[in-house]
Amino acid sequence: MSDTLSINIKIDNRIYPLVVNRKDEARYRSAAKRLNEVVASFKVNYPDKDMQDVMAMSAFQFVYSNLVLKEAAEQATLISEIRDINDDIDDFLASRVV
């Protein structure tokens, strides 16, 4: 059985055929659903904007959110590394106490 699957993703009533890994199908469908929700929201909130503007604003929102998540992940990694260093210092100082 193939690990890939052909699916059709609908974004703002346009169909986009994709070949995806079977294990990722639900994630692709969820992403399309979320994008359609954001697009619909921008259409309601900015009825004077054309589709190019709506899609650009949607893309910007997703990229911004992605950057926020990456920064949070980097901070979590840094905090973990600092804790490891602190533990190493504590262990070293505890071994030096006579």
PDB file of N, CA and C in Angstrom:
ATOM      1  N   MET A   1       0.845  -1.182   0.000  1.00  0.00           N
ATOM      2  CA  MET A   1       0.000   0.000   0.000  1.00  0.00           C
ATOM      3  C   MET A   1       0.890   1.245   0.000  1.00  0.00           C
ATOM      4  N   SER A   2       0.516   2.217  -0.804  1.00  0.00           N
ATOM      5  CA  SER A   2       1.293   3.443  -0.936  1.00  0.00           C
ATOM      6  C   SER A   2       1.171   4.304   0.316  1.00  0.00           C
ATOM      7  N   ASP A   3       2.248   4.996   0.617  1.00  0.00           N
ATOM      8  CA  ASP A   3       2.239   5.905   1.761  1.00  0.00           C
ATOM      9  C   ASP A   3       1.627   7.251   1.414  1.00  0.00           C
ATOM     10  N   THR A   4       1.344   7.463   0.118  1.00  0.00           N
ATOM     11  CA  THR A   4       0.782   8.743  -0.304  1.00  0.00           C
ATOM     12  C   THR A   4      -0.671   8.581  -0.704  1.00  0.00           C
ATOM     13  N   LEU A   5      -1.343   9.705  -0.736  1.00  0.00           N
ATOM     14  CA  LEU A   5      -2.769   9.733  -1.016  1.00  0.00           C
ATOM     15  C   LEU A   5      -3.080  11.000  -1.792  1.00  0.00           C
ATOM     16  N   SER A   6      -3.901  10.875  -2.827  1.00  0.00           N
ATOM     17  CA  SER A   6      -4.345  12.052  -3.579  1.00  0.00           C
ATOM     18  C   SER A   6      -5.617  12.586  -2.937  1.00  0.00           C
ATOM     19  N   ILE A   7      -5.585  13.860  -2.572  1.00  0.00           N
ATOM     20  CA  ILE A   7      -6.764  14.476  -1.969  1.00  0.00           C
ATOM     21  C   ILE A   7      -7.046  15.799  -2.664  1.00  0.00           C
ATOM     22  N   ASN A   8      -8.247  16.275  -2.499  1.00  0.00           N
ATOM     23  CA  ASN A   8      -8.628  17.594  -2.991  1.00  0.00           C
ATOM     24  C   ASN A   8      -8.923  18.476  -1.800  1.00  0.00           C
ATOM     25  N   ILE A   9      -8.258  19.599  -1.746  1.00  0.00           N
ATOM     26  CA  ILE A   9      -8.460  20.572  -0.678  1.00  0.00           C
ATOM     27  C   ILE A   9      -9.230  21.748  -1.273  1.00  0.00           C
ATOM     28  N   LYS A  10     -10.282  22.151  -0.598  1.00  0.00           N
ATOM     29  CA  LYS A  10     -11.096  23.271  -1.065  1.00  0.00           C
ATOM     30  C   LYS A  10     -10.776  24.501  -0.223  1.00  0.00           C
ATOM     31  N   ILE A  11     -10.318  25.554  -0.908  1.00  0.00           N
ATOM     32  CA  ILE A  11     -10.025  26.815  -0.235  1.00  0.00           C
ATOM     33  C   ILE A  11     -10.822  27.901  -0.941  1.00  0.00           C
ATOM     34  N   ASP A  12     -11.727  28.510  -0.210  1.00  0.00           N
ATOM     35  CA  ASP A  12     -12.596  29.545  -0.745  1.00  0.00           C
ATOM     36  C   ASP A  12     -13.256  29.107  -2.058  1.00  0.00           C
ATOM     37  N   ASN A  13     -13.856  27.931  -2.010  1.00  0.00           N
ATOM     38  CA  ASN A  13     -14.603  27.359  -3.137  1.00  0.00           C
ATOM     39  C   ASN A  13     -13.759  27.058  -4.365  1.00  0.00           C
ATOM     40  N   ARG A  14     -12.457  26.946  -4.192  1.00  0.00           N
ATOM     41  CA  ARG A  14     -11.573  26.496  -5.278  1.00  0.00           C
ATOM     42  C   ARG A  14     -10.918  25.204  -4.833  1.00  0.00           C
ATOM     43  N   ILE A  15     -10.822  24.269  -5.759  1.00  0.00           N
ATOM     44  CA  ILE A  15     -10.270  22.954  -5.454  1.00  0.00           C
ATOM     45  C   ILE A  15      -8.786  22.919  -5.804  1.00  0.00           C
ATOM     46  N   TYR A  16      -8.003  22.377  -4.874  1.00  0.00           N
ATOM     47  CA  TYR A  16      -6.573  22.225  -5.071  1.00  0.00           C
ATOM     48  C   TYR A  16      -6.205  20.758  -4.843  1.00  0.00           C
ATOM     49  N   PRO A  17      -5.808  20.049  -5.900  1.00  0.00           N
ATOM     50  CA  PRO A  17      -5.405  18.644  -5.731  1.00  0.00           C
ATOM     51  C   PRO A  17      -4.010  18.562  -5.104  1.00  0.00           C
ATOM     52  N   LEU A  18      -3.861  17.680  -4.164  1.00  0.00           N
ATOM     53  CA  LEU A  18      -2.584  17.484  -3.481  1.00  0.00           C
ATOM     54  C   LEU A  18      -2.276  16.001  -3.362  1.00  0.00           C
ATOM     55  N   VAL A  19      -1.013  15.667  -3.337  1.00  0.00           N
ATOM     56  CA  VAL A  19      -0.574  14.322  -2.998  1.00  0.00           C
ATOM     57  C   VAL A  19       0.141  14.452  -1.661  1.00  0.00           C
ATOM     58  N   VAL A  20      -0.384  13.754  -0.656  1.00  0.00           N
ATOM     59  CA  VAL A  20       0.126  13.902   0.708  1.00  0.00           C
ATOM     60  C   VAL A  20       0.424  12.535   1.303  1.00  0.00           C
ATOM     61  N   ASN A  21       1.225  12.521   2.343  1.00  0.00           N
ATOM     62  CA  ASN A  21       1.424  11.287   3.105  1.00  0.00           C
ATOM     63  C   ASN A  21       0.120  10.946   3.817  1.00  0.00           C
ATOM     64  N   ARG A  22      -0.220   9.681   3.809  1.00  0.00           N
ATOM     65  CA  ARG A  22      -1.465   9.253   4.451  1.00  0.00           C
ATOM     66  C   ARG A  22      -1.543   9.714   5.905  1.00  0.00           C
ATOM     67  N   LYS A  23      -0.418   9.637   6.586  1.00  0.00           N
ATOM     68  CA  LYS A  23      -0.416  10.004   8.008  1.00  0.00           C
ATOM     69  C   LYS A  23      -0.678  11.493   8.223  1.00  0.00           C
ATOM     70  N   ASP A  24      -0.497  12.290   7.179  1.00  0.00           N
ATOM     71  CA  ASP A  24      -0.680  13.733   7.292  1.00  0.00           C
ATOM     72  C   ASP A  24      -2.010  14.229   6.748  1.00  0.00           C
ATOM     73  N   GLU A  25      -2.844  13.340   6.233  1.00  0.00           N
ATOM     74  CA  GLU A  25      -4.095  13.762   5.590  1.00  0.00           C
ATOM     75  C   GLU A  25      -4.961  14.614   6.513  1.00  0.00           C
ATOM     76  N   ALA A  26      -5.173  14.158   7.724  1.00  0.00           N
ATOM     77  CA  ALA A  26      -6.038  14.898   8.654  1.00  0.00           C
ATOM     78  C   ALA A  26      -5.475  16.289   8.921  1.00  0.00           C
ATOM     79  N   ARG A  27      -4.156  16.400   9.011  1.00  0.00           N
ATOM     80  CA  ARG A  27      -3.536  17.702   9.258  1.00  0.00           C
ATOM     81  C   ARG A  27      -3.768  18.647   8.073  1.00  0.00           C
ATOM     82  N   TYR A  28      -3.652  18.132   6.852  1.00  0.00           N
ATOM     83  CA  TYR A  28      -3.918  18.963   5.673  1.00  0.00           C
ATOM     84  C   TYR A  28      -5.366  19.429   5.657  1.00  0.00           C
ATOM     85  N   ARG A  29      -6.277  18.511   5.944  1.00  0.00           N
ATOM     86  CA  ARG A  29      -7.700  18.876   5.939  1.00  0.00           C
ATOM     87  C   ARG A  29      -8.008  19.888   7.045  1.00  0.00           C
ATOM     88  N   SER A  30      -7.393  19.706   8.184  1.00  0.00           N
ATOM     89  CA  SER A  30      -7.575  20.649   9.288  1.00  0.00           C
ATOM     90  C   SER A  30      -7.011  22.023   8.931  1.00  0.00           C
ATOM     91  N   ALA A  31      -5.877  22.050   8.266  1.00  0.00           N
ATOM     92  CA  ALA A  31      -5.274  23.316   7.850  1.00  0.00           C
ATOM     93  C   ALA A  31      -6.178  24.042   6.860  1.00  0.00           C
ATOM     94  N   ALA A  32      -6.744  23.287   5.918  1.00  0.00           N
ATOM     95  CA  ALA A  32      -7.654  23.899   4.938  1.00  0.00           C
ATOM     96  C   ALA A  32      -8.891  24.451   5.635  1.00  0.00           C
ATOM     97  N   LYS A  33      -9.411  23.695   6.597  1.00  0.00           N
ATOM     98  CA  LYS A  33     -10.592  24.156   7.332  1.00  0.00           C
ATOM     99  C   LYS A  33     -10.277  25.452   8.084  1.00  0.00           C
ATOM    100  N   ARG A  34      -9.130  25.485   8.745  1.00  0.00           N
ATOM    101  CA  ARG A  34      -8.743  26.687   9.504  1.00  0.00           C
ATOM    102  C   ARG A  34      -8.534  27.878   8.573  1.00  0.00           C
ATOM    103  N   LEU A  35      -7.886  27.635   7.434  1.00  0.00           N
ATOM    104  CA  LEU A  35      -7.674  28.715   6.474  1.00  0.00           C
ATOM    105  C   LEU A  35      -9.009  29.252   5.974  1.00  0.00           C
ATOM    106  N   ASN A  36      -9.951  28.374   5.674  1.00  0.00           N
ATOM    107  CA  ASN A  36     -11.272  28.816   5.218  1.00  0.00           C
ATOM    108  C   ASN A  36     -11.985  29.642   6.286  1.00  0.00           C
ATOM    109  N   GLU A  37     -11.797  29.282   7.545  1.00  0.00           N
ATOM    110  CA  GLU A  37     -12.393  30.056   8.635  1.00  0.00           C
ATOM    111  C   GLU A  37     -11.796  31.461   8.700  1.00  0.00           C
ATOM    112  N   VAL A  38     -10.478  31.549   8.554  1.00  0.00           N
ATOM    113  CA  VAL A  38      -9.810  32.852   8.605  1.00  0.00           C
ATOM    114  C   VAL A  38     -10.212  33.698   7.398  1.00  0.00           C
ATOM    115  N   VAL A  39     -10.230  33.092   6.225  1.00  0.00           N
ATOM    116  CA  VAL A  39     -10.638  33.808   5.012  1.00  0.00           C
ATOM    117  C   VAL A  39     -12.064  34.329   5.167  1.00  0.00           C
ATOM    118  N   ALA A  40     -12.961  33.481   5.648  1.00  0.00           N
ATOM    119  CA  ALA A  40     -14.357  33.902   5.836  1.00  0.00           C
ATOM    120  C   ALA A  40     -14.452  35.060   6.824  1.00  0.00           C
ATOM    121  N   SER A  41     -13.650  35.004   7.878  1.00  0.00           N
ATOM    122  CA  SER A  41     -13.652  36.072   8.876  1.00  0.00           C
ATOM    123  C   SER A  41     -13.180  37.389   8.262  1.00  0.00           C
ATOM    124  N   PHE A  42     -12.102  37.341   7.491  1.00  0.00           N
ATOM    125  CA  PHE A  42     -11.614  38.561   6.843  1.00  0.00           C
ATOM    126  C   PHE A  42     -12.629  39.101   5.837  1.00  0.00           C
ATOM    127  N   LYS A  43     -13.317  38.215   5.134  1.00  0.00           N
ATOM    128  CA  LYS A  43     -14.330  38.669   4.169  1.00  0.00           C
ATOM    129  C   LYS A  43     -15.452  39.425   4.873  1.00  0.00           C
ATOM    130  N   VAL A  44     -15.840  38.940   6.047  1.00  0.00           N
ATOM    131  CA  VAL A  44     -16.911  39.594   6.811  1.00  0.00           C
ATOM    132  C   VAL A  44     -16.421  40.921   7.388  1.00  0.00           C
ATOM    133  N   ASN A  45     -15.225  40.898   7.951  1.00  0.00           N
ATOM    134  CA  ASN A  45     -14.698  42.095   8.623  1.00  0.00           C
ATOM    135  C   ASN A  45     -14.186  43.165   7.665  1.00  0.00           C
ATOM    136  N   TYR A  46     -13.831  42.771   6.455  1.00  0.00           N
ATOM    137  CA  TYR A  46     -13.310  43.710   5.456  1.00  0.00           C
ATOM    138  C   TYR A  46     -14.012  43.484   4.112  1.00  0.00           C
ATOM    139  N   PRO A  47     -15.304  43.766   4.041  1.00  0.00           N
ATOM    140  CA  PRO A  47     -16.064  43.471   2.822  1.00  0.00           C
ATOM    141  C   PRO A  47     -15.609  44.273   1.605  1.00  0.00           C
ATOM    142  N   ASP A  48     -14.903  45.365   1.825  1.00  0.00           N
ATOM    143  CA  ASP A  48     -14.435  46.203   0.716  1.00  0.00           C
ATOM    144  C   ASP A  48     -13.138  45.686   0.090  1.00  0.00           C
ATOM    145  N   LYS A  49     -12.523  44.682   0.687  1.00  0.00           N
ATOM    146  CA  LYS A  49     -11.255  44.151   0.185  1.00  0.00           C
ATOM    147  C   LYS A  49     -11.499  43.066  -0.862  1.00  0.00           C
ATOM    148  N   ASP A  50     -10.593  43.003  -1.866  1.00  0.00           N
ATOM    149  CA  ASP A  50     -10.720  41.946  -2.868  1.00  0.00           C
ATOM    150  C   ASP A  50     -10.057  40.673  -2.339  1.00  0.00           C
ATOM    151  N   MET A  51     -10.185  39.576  -3.105  1.00  0.00           N
ATOM    152  CA  MET A  51      -9.684  38.285  -2.636  1.00  0.00           C
ATOM    153  C   MET A  51      -8.171  38.279  -2.458  1.00  0.00           C
ATOM    154  N   GLN A  52      -7.449  39.012  -3.278  1.00  0.00           N
ATOM    155  CA  GLN A  52      -6.003  39.061  -3.119  1.00  0.00           C
ATOM    156  C   GLN A  52      -5.649  39.662  -1.761  1.00  0.00           C
ATOM    157  N   ASP A  53      -6.345  40.714  -1.367  1.00  0.00           N
ATOM    158  CA  ASP A  53      -6.104  41.322  -0.057  1.00  0.00           C
ATOM    159  C   ASP A  53      -6.485  40.365   1.072  1.00  0.00           C
ATOM    160  N   VAL A  54      -7.612  39.702   0.925  1.00  0.00           N
ATOM    161  CA  VAL A  54      -8.076  38.759   1.948  1.00  0.00           C
ATOM    162  C   VAL A  54      -7.066  37.630   2.125  1.00  0.00           C
ATOM    163  N   MET A  55      -6.578  37.090   1.002  1.00  0.00           N
ATOM    164  CA  MET A  55      -5.610  35.995   1.090  1.00  0.00           C
ATOM    165  C   MET A  55      -4.283  36.491   1.668  1.00  0.00           C
ATOM    166  N   ALA A  56      -3.864  37.698   1.296  1.00  0.00           N
ATOM    167  CA  ALA A  56      -2.618  38.249   1.837  1.00  0.00           C
ATOM    168  C   ALA A  56      -2.733  38.462   3.346  1.00  0.00           C
ATOM    169  N   MET A  57      -3.859  38.987   3.797  1.00  0.00           N
ATOM    170  CA  MET A  57      -4.060  39.203   5.236  1.00  0.00           C
ATOM    171  C   MET A  57      -4.116  37.871   5.973  1.00  0.00           C
ATOM    172  N   SER A  58      -4.736  36.870   5.366  1.00  0.00           N
ATOM    173  CA  SER A  58      -4.795  35.534   5.973  1.00  0.00           C
ATOM    174  C   SER A  58      -3.404  34.937   6.079  1.00  0.00           C
ATOM    175  N   ALA A  59      -2.638  35.025   5.001  1.00  0.00           N
ATOM    176  CA  ALA A  59      -1.272  34.497   5.013  1.00  0.00           C
ATOM    177  C   ALA A  59      -0.433  35.208   6.077  1.00  0.00           C
ATOM    178  N   PHE A  60      -0.579  36.528   6.151  1.00  0.00           N
ATOM    179  CA  PHE A  60       0.174  37.293   7.145  1.00  0.00           C
ATOM    180  C   PHE A  60      -0.169  36.830   8.560  1.00  0.00           C
ATOM    181  N   GLN A  61      -1.450  36.611   8.829  1.00  0.00           N
ATOM    182  CA  GLN A  61      -1.866  36.169  10.160  1.00  0.00           C
ATOM    183  C   GLN A  61      -1.226  34.828  10.507  1.00  0.00           C
ATOM    184  N   PHE A  62      -1.199  33.898   9.549  1.00  0.00           N
ATOM    185  CA  PHE A  62      -0.608  32.585   9.810  1.00  0.00           C
ATOM    186  C   PHE A  62       0.903  32.670  10.002  1.00  0.00           C
ATOM    187  N   VAL A  63       1.574  33.478   9.202  1.00  0.00           N
ATOM    188  CA  VAL A  63       3.024  33.623   9.346  1.00  0.00           C
ATOM    189  C   VAL A  63       3.356  34.260  10.686  1.00  0.00           C
ATOM    190  N   TYR A  64       2.605  35.274  11.063  1.00  0.00           N
ATOM    191  CA  TYR A  64       2.828  35.923  12.363  1.00  0.00           C
ATOM    192  C   TYR A  64       2.652  34.914  13.505  1.00  0.00           C
ATOM    193  N   SER A  65       1.571  34.133  13.453  1.00  0.00           N
ATOM    194  CA  SER A  65       1.323  33.121  14.488  1.00  0.00           C
ATOM    195  C   SER A  65       2.451  32.101  14.534  1.00  0.00           C
ATOM    196  N   ASN A  66       2.948  31.711  13.371  1.00  0.00           N
ATOM    197  CA  ASN A  66       4.045  30.764  13.300  1.00  0.00           C
ATOM    198  C   ASN A  66       5.299  31.327  13.961  1.00  0.00           C
ATOM    199  N   LEU A  67       5.588  32.594  13.720  1.00  0.00           N
ATOM    200  CA  LEU A  67       6.752  33.224  14.347  1.00  0.00           C
ATOM    201  C   LEU A  67       6.617  33.283  15.864  1.00  0.00           C
ATOM    202  N   VAL A  68       5.431  33.604  16.346  1.00  0.00           N
ATOM    203  CA  VAL A  68       5.193  33.641  17.788  1.00  0.00           C
ATOM    204  C   VAL A  68       5.437  32.261  18.399  1.00  0.00           C
ATOM    205  N   LEU A  69       4.939  31.214  17.741  1.00  0.00           N
ATOM    206  CA  LEU A  69       5.134  29.852  18.250  1.00  0.00           C
ATOM    207  C   LEU A  69       6.607  29.450  18.226  1.00  0.00           C
ATOM    208  N   LYS A  70       7.321  29.817  17.162  1.00  0.00           N
ATOM    209  CA  LYS A  70       8.752  29.495  17.086  1.00  0.00           C
ATOM    210  C   LYS A  70       9.524  30.201  18.197  1.00  0.00           C
ATOM    211  N   GLU A  71       9.211  31.466  18.445  1.00  0.00           N
ATOM    212  CA  GLU A  71       9.892  32.203  19.506  1.00  0.00           C
ATOM    213  C   GLU A  71       9.621  31.572  20.862  1.00  0.00           C
ATOM    214  N   ALA A  72       8.385  31.142  21.090  1.00  0.00           N
ATOM    215  CA  ALA A  72       8.042  30.494  22.359  1.00  0.00           C
ATOM    216  C   ALA A  72       8.801  29.178  22.506  1.00  0.00           C
ATOM    217  N   ALA A  73       8.915  28.423  21.426  1.00  0.00           N
ATOM    218  CA  ALA A  73       9.647  27.156  21.467  1.00  0.00           C
ATOM    219  C   ALA A  73      11.130  27.397  21.730  1.00  0.00           C
ATOM    220  N   GLU A  74      11.683  28.428  21.106  1.00  0.00           N
ATOM    221  CA  GLU A  74      13.088  28.762  21.330  1.00  0.00           C
ATOM    222  C   GLU A  74      13.321  29.178  22.774  1.00  0.00           C
ATOM    223  N   GLN A  75      12.390  29.942  23.332  1.00  0.00           N
ATOM    224  CA  GLN A  75      12.520  30.360  24.728  1.00  0.00           C
ATOM    225  C   GLN A  75      12.447  29.148  25.651  1.00  0.00           C
ATOM    226  N   ALA A  76      11.550  28.207  25.345  1.00  0.00           N
ATOM    227  CA  ALA A  76      11.431  27.006  26.168  1.00  0.00           C
ATOM    228  C   ALA A  76      12.722  26.196  26.114  1.00  0.00           C
ATOM    229  N   THR A  77      13.326  26.106  24.938  1.00  0.00           N
ATOM    230  CA  THR A  77      14.597  25.399  24.797  1.00  0.00           C
ATOM    231  C   THR A  77      15.688  26.098  25.587  1.00  0.00           C
ATOM    232  N   LEU A  78      15.736  27.411  25.491  1.00  0.00           N
ATOM    233  CA  LEU A  78      16.738  28.180  26.225  1.00  0.00           C
ATOM    234  C   LEU A  78      16.559  28.014  27.735  1.00  0.00           C
ATOM    235  N   ILE A  79      15.335  28.072  28.198  1.00  0.00           N
ATOM    236  CA  ILE A  79      15.066  27.901  29.634  1.00  0.00           C
ATOM    237  C   ILE A  79      15.508  26.522  30.087  1.00  0.00           C
ATOM    238  N   SER A  80      15.245  25.505  29.281  1.00  0.00           N
ATOM    239  CA  SER A  80      15.662  24.149  29.617  1.00  0.00           C
ATOM    240  C   SER A  80      17.185  24.041  29.684  1.00  0.00           C
ATOM    241  N   GLU A  81      17.863  24.666  28.736  1.00  0.00           N
ATOM    242  CA  GLU A  81      19.326  24.648  28.744  1.00  0.00           C
ATOM    243  C   GLU A  81      19.881  25.375  29.964  1.00  0.00           C
ATOM    244  N   ILE A  82      19.271  26.485  30.337  1.00  0.00           N
ATOM    245  CA  ILE A  82      19.708  27.226  31.526  1.00  0.00           C
ATOM    246  C   ILE A  82      19.503  26.375  32.777  1.00  0.00           C
ATOM    247  N   ARG A  83      18.385  25.686  32.860  1.00  0.00           N
ATOM    248  CA  ARG A  83      18.143  24.801  34.015  1.00  0.00           C
ATOM    249  C   ARG A  83      19.187  23.695  34.087  1.00  0.00           C
ATOM    250  N   ASP A  84      19.528  23.109  32.919  1.00  0.00           N
ATOM    251  CA  ASP A  84      20.551  22.066  32.892  1.00  0.00           C
ATOM    252  C   ASP A  84      21.893  22.608  33.385  1.00  0.00           C
ATOM    253  N   ILE A  85      22.255  23.793  32.934  1.00  0.00           N
ATOM    254  CA  ILE A  85      23.516  24.415  33.371  1.00  0.00           C
ATOM    255  C   ILE A  85      23.470  24.694  34.868  1.00  0.00           C
ATOM    256  N   ASN A  86      22.337  25.200  35.339  1.00  0.00           N
ATOM    257  CA  ASN A  86      22.181  25.483  36.772  1.00  0.00           C
ATOM    258  C   ASN A  86      22.315  24.196  37.588  1.00  0.00           C
ATOM    259  N   ASP A  87      21.706  23.113  37.109  1.00  0.00           N
ATOM    260  CA  ASP A  87      21.827  21.823  37.805  1.00  0.00           C
ATOM    261  C   ASP A  87      23.273  21.351  37.829  1.00  0.00           C
ATOM    262  N   ASP A  88      23.979  21.537  36.708  1.00  0.00           N
ATOM    263  CA  ASP A  88      25.388  21.152  36.658  1.00  0.00           C
ATOM    264  C   ASP A  88      26.215  21.963  37.663  1.00  0.00           C
ATOM    265  N   ILE A  89      25.939  23.249  37.760  1.00  0.00           N
ATOM    266  CA  ILE A  89      26.648  24.108  38.718  1.00  0.00           C
ATOM    267  C   ILE A  89      26.335  23.665  40.141  1.00  0.00           C
ATOM    268  N   ASP A  90      25.061  23.398  40.428  1.00  0.00           N
ATOM    269  CA  ASP A  90      24.683  22.924  41.760  1.00  0.00           C
ATOM    270  C   ASP A  90      25.392  21.617  42.105  1.00  0.00           C
ATOM    271  N   ASP A  91      25.443  20.690  41.136  1.00  0.00           N
ATOM    272  CA  ASP A  91      26.118  19.406  41.367  1.00  0.00           C
ATOM    273  C   ASP A  91      27.610  19.624  41.625  1.00  0.00           C
ATOM    274  N   PHE A  92      28.208  20.499  40.837  1.00  0.00           N
ATOM    275  CA  PHE A  92      29.636  20.788  41.014  1.00  0.00           C
ATOM    276  C   PHE A  92      29.892  21.396  42.392  1.00  0.00           C
ATOM    277  N   LEU A  93      29.098  22.391  42.777  1.00  0.00           N
ATOM    278  CA  LEU A  93      29.300  23.040  44.071  1.00  0.00           C
ATOM    279  C   LEU A  93      29.044  22.067  45.221  1.00  0.00           C
ATOM    280  N   ALA A  94      28.048  21.189  45.053  1.00  0.00           N
ATOM    281  CA  ALA A  94      27.779  20.213  46.110  1.00  0.00           C
ATOM    282  C   ALA A  94      28.942  19.227  46.266  1.00  0.00           C
ATOM    283  N   SER A  95      29.601  18.912  45.167  1.00  0.00           N
ATOM    284  CA  SER A  95      30.740  17.981  45.256  1.00  0.00           C
ATOM    285  C   SER A  95      31.980  18.640  45.845  1.00  0.00           C
ATOM    286  N   ARG A  96      32.045  19.951  45.825  1.00  0.00           N
ATOM    287  CA  ARG A  96      33.200  20.691  46.328  1.00  0.00           C
ATOM    288  C   ARG A  96      33.086  20.985  47.827  1.00  0.00           C
ATOM    289  N   VAL A  97      31.888  20.848  48.360  1.00  0.00           N
ATOM    290  CA  VAL A  97      31.688  21.133  49.782  1.00  0.00           C
ATOM    291  C   VAL A  97      32.336  20.021  50.585  1.00  0.00           C
ATOM    292  N   VAL A  98      33.169  20.420  51.524  1.00  0.00           N
ATOM    293  CA  VAL A  98      33.883  19.456  52.335  1.00  0.00           C
ATOM    294  C   VAL A  98      33.260  19.304  53.687  1.00  0.00           C
TER     295      VAL A  98
END
